[in-house]
Amino acid sequence: MSEERCLPRWWMGGVAASGAACFTQCFDTVKEKHKSKENAVGMRYLRNVCGQTRMDRDTNEWVLKECGLK
């Protein structure tokens, strides 16, 4: 006699849904951190191309204008 095993209703409704929400929120946070790091690397490259350093204390907007990107 074969028994089919069904997951209880509380598992599919509450526990699985909250686990999915936590995973999605963590994934969104990781994406935002990655975007921030990409932006920092891009600005570092542009500062180097323009001959500026962080010690010059120029804003990101100034660097973008100087390189002709804004």
PDB file of N, CA and C in Angstrom:
ATOM      1  N   MET A   1       0.833  -1.175   0.000  1.00  0.00           N
ATOM      2  CA  MET A   1       0.000   0.000   0.000  1.00  0.00           C
ATOM      3  C   MET A   1       0.894   1.261   0.000  1.00  0.00           C
ATOM      4  N   SER A   2       0.775   2.104  -1.000  1.00  0.00           N
ATOM      5  CA  SER A   2       1.614   3.295  -1.081  1.00  0.00           C
ATOM      6  C   SER A   2       0.909   4.486  -0.426  1.00  0.00           C
ATOM      7  N   GLU A   3       1.682   5.193   0.327  1.00  0.00           N
ATOM      8  CA  GLU A   3       1.127   6.374   0.995  1.00  0.00           C
ATOM      9  C   GLU A   3       1.664   7.622   0.298  1.00  0.00           C
ATOM     10  N   GLU A   4       0.786   8.504  -0.045  1.00  0.00           N
ATOM     11  CA  GLU A   4       1.208   9.782  -0.603  1.00  0.00           C
ATOM     12  C   GLU A   4       1.376  10.749   0.557  1.00  0.00           C
ATOM     13  N   ARG A   5       2.505  11.401   0.542  1.00  0.00           N
ATOM     14  CA  ARG A   5       2.777  12.314   1.633  1.00  0.00           C
ATOM     15  C   ARG A   5       2.485  13.734   1.177  1.00  0.00           C
ATOM     16  N   CYS A   6       1.584  14.394   1.849  1.00  0.00           N
ATOM     17  CA  CYS A   6       1.235  15.781   1.538  1.00  0.00           C
ATOM     18  C   CYS A   6       1.792  16.674   2.639  1.00  0.00           C
ATOM     19  N   LEU A   7       2.238  17.845   2.223  1.00  0.00           N
ATOM     20  CA  LEU A   7       2.718  18.794   3.217  1.00  0.00           C
ATOM     21  C   LEU A   7       1.522  19.417   3.919  1.00  0.00           C
ATOM     22  N   PRO A   8       1.651  19.643   5.205  1.00  0.00           N
ATOM     23  CA  PRO A   8       0.542  20.266   5.937  1.00  0.00           C
ATOM     24  C   PRO A   8       0.268  21.676   5.431  1.00  0.00           C
ATOM     25  N   ARG A   9      -0.930  22.114   5.651  1.00  0.00           N
ATOM     26  CA  ARG A   9      -1.359  23.430   5.179  1.00  0.00           C
ATOM     27  C   ARG A   9      -0.535  24.549   5.826  1.00  0.00           C
ATOM     28  N   TRP A  10      -0.180  24.416   7.117  1.00  0.00           N
ATOM     29  CA  TRP A  10       0.573  25.464   7.797  1.00  0.00           C
ATOM     30  C   TRP A  10       1.968  25.606   7.188  1.00  0.00           C
ATOM     31  N   TRP A  11       2.531  24.526   6.643  1.00  0.00           N
ATOM     32  CA  TRP A  11       3.853  24.605   6.031  1.00  0.00           C
ATOM     33  C   TRP A  11       3.797  25.421   4.741  1.00  0.00           C
ATOM     34  N   MET A  12       2.826  25.118   3.899  1.00  0.00           N
ATOM     35  CA  MET A  12       2.738  25.805   2.613  1.00  0.00           C
ATOM     36  C   MET A  12       2.326  27.262   2.779  1.00  0.00           C
ATOM     37  N   GLY A  13       1.517  27.549   3.794  1.00  0.00           N
ATOM     38  CA  GLY A  13       1.040  28.923   3.951  1.00  0.00           C
ATOM     39  C   GLY A  13       2.007  29.814   4.684  1.00  0.00           C
ATOM     40  N   GLY A  14       2.402  29.428   5.877  1.00  0.00           N
ATOM     41  CA  GLY A  14       3.176  30.336   6.715  1.00  0.00           C
ATOM     42  C   GLY A  14       4.669  30.197   6.591  1.00  0.00           C
ATOM     43  N   VAL A  15       5.178  29.019   6.834  1.00  0.00           N
ATOM     44  CA  VAL A  15       6.623  28.831   6.904  1.00  0.00           C
ATOM     45  C   VAL A  15       7.276  29.033   5.544  1.00  0.00           C
ATOM     46  N   ALA A  16       6.738  28.450   4.511  1.00  0.00           N
ATOM     47  CA  ALA A  16       7.332  28.568   3.180  1.00  0.00           C
ATOM     48  C   ALA A  16       7.259  30.013   2.676  1.00  0.00           C
ATOM     49  N   ALA A  17       6.176  30.691   2.943  1.00  0.00           N
ATOM     50  CA  ALA A  17       6.022  32.073   2.474  1.00  0.00           C
ATOM     51  C   ALA A  17       7.004  33.003   3.183  1.00  0.00           C
ATOM     52  N   SER A  18       7.163  32.840   4.485  1.00  0.00           N
ATOM     53  CA  SER A  18       8.092  33.715   5.207  1.00  0.00           C
ATOM     54  C   SER A  18       9.535  33.414   4.808  1.00  0.00           C
ATOM     55  N   GLY A  19       9.850  32.160   4.528  1.00  0.00           N
ATOM     56  CA  GLY A  19      11.192  31.822   4.055  1.00  0.00           C
ATOM     57  C   GLY A  19      11.478  32.455   2.706  1.00  0.00           C
ATOM     58  N   ALA A  20      10.501  32.444   1.827  1.00  0.00           N
ATOM     59  CA  ALA A  20      10.672  33.054   0.503  1.00  0.00           C
ATOM     60  C   ALA A  20      10.841  34.565   0.625  1.00  0.00           C
ATOM     61  N   ALA A  21      10.111  35.194   1.530  1.00  0.00           N
ATOM     62  CA  ALA A  21      10.218  36.643   1.714  1.00  0.00           C
ATOM     63  C   ALA A  21      11.605  37.019   2.228  1.00  0.00           C
ATOM     64  N   CYS A  22      12.139  36.236   3.173  1.00  0.00           N
ATOM     65  CA  CYS A  22      13.473  36.515   3.706  1.00  0.00           C
ATOM     66  C   CYS A  22      14.530  36.362   2.616  1.00  0.00           C
ATOM     67  N   PHE A  23      14.407  35.326   1.804  1.00  0.00           N
ATOM     68  CA  PHE A  23      15.371  35.100   0.733  1.00  0.00           C
ATOM     69  C   PHE A  23      15.335  36.245  -0.268  1.00  0.00           C
ATOM     70  N   THR A  24      14.144  36.695  -0.641  1.00  0.00           N
ATOM     71  CA  THR A  24      14.005  37.776  -1.613  1.00  0.00           C
ATOM     72  C   THR A  24      14.590  39.069  -1.081  1.00  0.00           C
ATOM     73  N   GLN A  25      14.342  39.365   0.195  1.00  0.00           N
ATOM     74  CA  GLN A  25      14.862  40.596   0.780  1.00  0.00           C
ATOM     75  C   GLN A  25      16.384  40.562   0.827  1.00  0.00           C
ATOM     76  N   CYS A  26      16.974  39.433   1.194  1.00  0.00           N
ATOM     77  CA  CYS A  26      18.433  39.313   1.232  1.00  0.00           C
ATOM     78  C   CYS A  26      19.011  39.478  -0.170  1.00  0.00           C
ATOM     79  N   PHE A  27      18.353  38.912  -1.159  1.00  0.00           N
ATOM     80  CA  PHE A  27      18.831  39.002  -2.528  1.00  0.00           C
ATOM     81  C   PHE A  27      18.809  40.443  -3.023  1.00  0.00           C
ATOM     82  N   ASP A  28      17.756  41.199  -2.669  1.00  0.00           N
ATOM     83  CA  ASP A  28      17.678  42.605  -3.062  1.00  0.00           C
ATOM     84  C   ASP A  28      18.793  43.411  -2.413  1.00  0.00           C
ATOM     85  N   THR A  29      19.114  43.110  -1.160  1.00  0.00           N
ATOM     86  CA  THR A  29      20.184  43.813  -0.462  1.00  0.00           C
ATOM     87  C   THR A  29      21.521  43.553  -1.131  1.00  0.00           C
ATOM     88  N   VAL A  30      21.755  42.324  -1.535  1.00  0.00           N
ATOM     89  CA  VAL A  30      23.007  41.979  -2.211  1.00  0.00           C
ATOM     90  C   VAL A  30      23.108  42.721  -3.537  1.00  0.00           C
ATOM     91  N   LYS A  31      21.997  42.821  -4.278  1.00  0.00           N
ATOM     92  CA  LYS A  31      22.027  43.533  -5.557  1.00  0.00           C
ATOM     93  C   LYS A  31      22.368  45.001  -5.350  1.00  0.00           C
ATOM     94  N   GLU A  32      21.815  45.627  -4.307  1.00  0.00           N
ATOM     95  CA  GLU A  32      22.088  47.039  -4.047  1.00  0.00           C
ATOM     96  C   GLU A  32      23.555  47.254  -3.682  1.00  0.00           C
ATOM     97  N   LYS A  33      24.118  46.357  -2.888  1.00  0.00           N
ATOM     98  CA  LYS A  33      25.525  46.483  -2.524  1.00  0.00           C
ATOM     99  C   LYS A  33      26.405  46.334  -3.758  1.00  0.00           C
ATOM    100  N   HIS A  34      26.030  45.424  -4.648  1.00  0.00           N
ATOM    101  CA  HIS A  34      26.806  45.212  -5.870  1.00  0.00           C
ATOM    102  C   HIS A  34      26.765  46.460  -6.750  1.00  0.00           C
ATOM    103  N   LYS A  35      25.602  47.082  -6.872  1.00  0.00           N
ATOM    104  CA  LYS A  35      25.487  48.303  -7.668  1.00  0.00           C
ATOM    105  C   LYS A  35      26.361  49.412  -7.094  1.00  0.00           C
ATOM    106  N   SER A  36      26.377  49.515  -5.772  1.00  0.00           N
ATOM    107  CA  SER A  36      27.178  50.545  -5.117  1.00  0.00           C
ATOM    108  C   SER A  36      28.665  50.328  -5.381  1.00  0.00           C
ATOM    109  N   LYS A  37      29.100  49.078  -5.320  1.00  0.00           N
ATOM    110  CA  LYS A  37      30.513  48.784  -5.583  1.00  0.00           C
ATOM    111  C   LYS A  37      30.866  49.034  -7.042  1.00  0.00           C
ATOM    112  N   GLU A  38      29.950  48.718  -7.964  1.00  0.00           N
ATOM    113  CA  GLU A  38      30.192  49.004  -9.385  1.00  0.00           C
ATOM    114  C   GLU A  38      30.352  50.495  -9.608  1.00  0.00           C
ATOM    115  N   ASN A  39      29.512  51.296  -8.965  1.00  0.00           N
ATOM    116  CA  ASN A  39      29.585  52.746  -9.105  1.00  0.00           C
ATOM    117  C   ASN A  39      30.921  53.267  -8.574  1.00  0.00           C
ATOM    118  N   ALA A  40      31.372  52.738  -7.441  1.00  0.00           N
ATOM    119  CA  ALA A  40      32.635  53.187  -6.851  1.00  0.00           C
ATOM    120  C   ALA A  40      33.809  52.853  -7.761  1.00  0.00           C
ATOM    121  N   VAL A  41      33.800  51.679  -8.350  1.00  0.00           N
ATOM    122  CA  VAL A  41      34.892  51.283  -9.255  1.00  0.00           C
ATOM    123  C   VAL A  41      34.886  52.165 -10.501  1.00  0.00           C
ATOM    124  N   GLY A  42      33.701  52.454 -11.029  1.00  0.00           N
ATOM    125  CA  GLY A  42      33.600  53.313 -12.203  1.00  0.00           C
ATOM    126  C   GLY A  42      34.106  54.719 -11.931  1.00  0.00           C
ATOM    127  N   MET A  43      33.761  55.256 -10.768  1.00  0.00           N
ATOM    128  CA  MET A  43      34.220  56.596 -10.425  1.00  0.00           C
ATOM    129  C   MET A  43      35.731  56.608 -10.201  1.00  0.00           C
ATOM    130  N   ARG A  44      36.270  55.548  -9.624  1.00  0.00           N
ATOM    131  CA  ARG A  44      37.724  55.457  -9.426  1.00  0.00           C
ATOM    132  C   ARG A  44      38.437  55.484 -10.775  1.00  0.00           C
ATOM    133  N   TYR A  45      37.881  54.761 -11.738  1.00  0.00           N
ATOM    134  CA  TYR A  45      38.455  54.730 -13.082  1.00  0.00           C
ATOM    135  C   TYR A  45      38.402  56.125 -13.731  1.00  0.00           C
ATOM    136  N   LEU A  46      37.247  56.782 -13.627  1.00  0.00           N
ATOM    137  CA  LEU A  46      37.109  58.105 -14.239  1.00  0.00           C
ATOM    138  C   LEU A  46      38.034  59.121 -13.588  1.00  0.00           C
ATOM    139  N   ARG A  47      38.182  59.059 -12.274  1.00  0.00           N
ATOM    140  CA  ARG A  47      39.109  59.972 -11.602  1.00  0.00           C
ATOM    141  C   ARG A  47      40.531  59.758 -12.123  1.00  0.00           C
ATOM    142  N   ASN A  48      40.894  58.497 -12.330  1.00  0.00           N
ATOM    143  CA  ASN A  48      42.231  58.187 -12.830  1.00  0.00           C
ATOM    144  C   ASN A  48      42.409  58.739 -14.251  1.00  0.00           C
ATOM    145  N   VAL A  49      41.386  58.585 -15.090  1.00  0.00           N
ATOM    146  CA  VAL A  49      41.457  59.085 -16.463  1.00  0.00           C
ATOM    147  C   VAL A  49      41.607  60.607 -16.478  1.00  0.00           C
ATOM    148  N   CYS A  50      40.890  61.292 -15.595  1.00  0.00           N
ATOM    149  CA  CYS A  50      40.942  62.753 -15.551  1.00  0.00           C
ATOM    150  C   CYS A  50      42.177  63.277 -14.828  1.00  0.00           C
ATOM    151  N   GLY A  51      42.946  62.394 -14.211  1.00  0.00           N
ATOM    152  CA  GLY A  51      44.139  62.835 -13.502  1.00  0.00           C
ATOM    153  C   GLY A  51      43.842  63.366 -12.118  1.00  0.00           C
ATOM    154  N   GLN A  52      42.691  63.058 -11.582  1.00  0.00           N
ATOM    155  CA  GLN A  52      42.310  63.508 -10.251  1.00  0.00           C
ATOM    156  C   GLN A  52      42.489  62.364  -9.251  1.00  0.00           C
ATOM    157  N   THR A  53      42.637  62.715  -8.001  1.00  0.00           N
ATOM    158  CA  THR A  53      42.700  61.713  -6.940  1.00  0.00           C
ATOM    159  C   THR A  53      41.598  62.009  -5.932  1.00  0.00           C
ATOM    160  N   ARG A  54      41.400  61.115  -5.002  1.00  0.00           N
ATOM    161  CA  ARG A  54      40.419  61.348  -3.941  1.00  0.00           C
ATOM    162  C   ARG A  54      40.854  62.516  -3.057  1.00  0.00           C
ATOM    163  N   MET A  55      42.156  62.726  -2.975  1.00  0.00           N
ATOM    164  CA  MET A  55      42.677  63.814  -2.139  1.00  0.00           C
ATOM    165  C   MET A  55      42.298  65.182  -2.702  1.00  0.00           C
ATOM    166  N   ASP A  56      41.980  65.256  -3.997  1.00  0.00           N
ATOM    167  CA  ASP A  56      41.552  66.524  -4.591  1.00  0.00           C
ATOM    168  C   ASP A  56      40.150  66.911  -4.137  1.00  0.00           C
ATOM    169  N   ARG A  57      39.410  65.946  -3.581  1.00  0.00           N
ATOM    170  CA  ARG A  57      38.079  66.155  -3.007  1.00  0.00           C
ATOM    171  C   ARG A  57      37.087  66.759  -4.010  1.00  0.00           C
ATOM    172  N   ASP A  58      37.135  66.284  -5.233  1.00  0.00           N
ATOM    173  CA  ASP A  58      36.170  66.701  -6.245  1.00  0.00           C
ATOM    174  C   ASP A  58      34.946  65.806  -6.152  1.00  0.00           C
ATOM    175  N   THR A  59      33.777  66.367  -6.408  1.00  0.00           N
ATOM    176  CA  THR A  59      32.541  65.584  -6.329  1.00  0.00           C
ATOM    177  C   THR A  59      32.423  64.663  -7.539  1.00  0.00           C
ATOM    178  N   ASN A  60      31.578  63.666  -7.395  1.00  0.00           N
ATOM    179  CA  ASN A  60      31.337  62.740  -8.500  1.00  0.00           C
ATOM    180  C   ASN A  60      30.754  63.471  -9.703  1.00  0.00           C
ATOM    181  N   GLU A  61      29.878  64.434  -9.437  1.00  0.00           N
ATOM    182  CA  GLU A  61      29.265  65.192 -10.528  1.00  0.00           C
ATOM    183  C   GLU A  61      30.321  65.963 -11.309  1.00  0.00           C
ATOM    184  N   TRP A  62      31.292  66.554 -10.599  1.00  0.00           N
ATOM    185  CA  TRP A  62      32.359  67.295 -11.269  1.00  0.00           C
ATOM    186  C   TRP A  62      33.173  66.365 -12.166  1.00  0.00           C
ATOM    187  N   VAL A  63      33.490  65.178 -11.641  1.00  0.00           N
ATOM    188  CA  VAL A  63      34.289  64.217 -12.421  1.00  0.00           C
ATOM    189  C   VAL A  63      33.516  63.794 -13.666  1.00  0.00           C
ATOM    190  N   LEU A  64      32.212  63.550 -13.535  1.00  0.00           N
ATOM    191  CA  LEU A  64      31.413  63.169 -14.690  1.00  0.00           C
ATOM    192  C   LEU A  64      31.364  64.275 -15.734  1.00  0.00           C
ATOM    193  N   LYS A  65      31.218  65.536 -15.300  1.00  0.00           N
ATOM    194  CA  LYS A  65      31.224  66.656 -16.232  1.00  0.00           C
ATOM    195  C   LYS A  65      32.578  66.800 -16.915  1.00  0.00           C
ATOM    196  N   GLU A  66      33.656  66.651 -16.150  1.00  0.00           N
ATOM    197  CA  GLU A  66      34.989  66.791 -16.686  1.00  0.00           C
ATOM    198  C   GLU A  66      35.280  65.744 -17.760  1.00  0.00           C
ATOM    199  N   CYS A  67      34.750  64.551 -17.572  1.00  0.00           N
ATOM    200  CA  CYS A  67      34.963  63.464 -18.559  1.00  0.00           C
ATOM    201  C   CYS A  67      33.932  63.518 -19.680  1.00  0.00           C
ATOM    202  N   GLY A  68      33.008  64.452 -19.622  1.00  0.00           N
ATOM    203  CA  GLY A  68      32.025  64.605 -20.686  1.00  0.00           C
ATOM    204  C   GLY A  68      30.906  63.575 -20.657  1.00  0.00           C
ATOM    205  N   LEU A  69      30.590  63.080 -19.472  1.00  0.00           N
ATOM    206  CA  LEU A  69      29.536  62.071 -19.373  1.00  0.00           C
ATOM    207  C   LEU A  69      28.234  62.628 -18.827  1.00  0.00           C
ATOM    208  N   LYS A  70      28.219  63.892 -18.451  1.00  0.00           N
ATOM    209  CA  LYS A  70      26.979  64.456 -17.916  1.00  0.00           C
ATOM    210  C   LYS A  70      26.689  65.788 -18.534  1.00  0.00           C
TER     211      LYS A  70
END
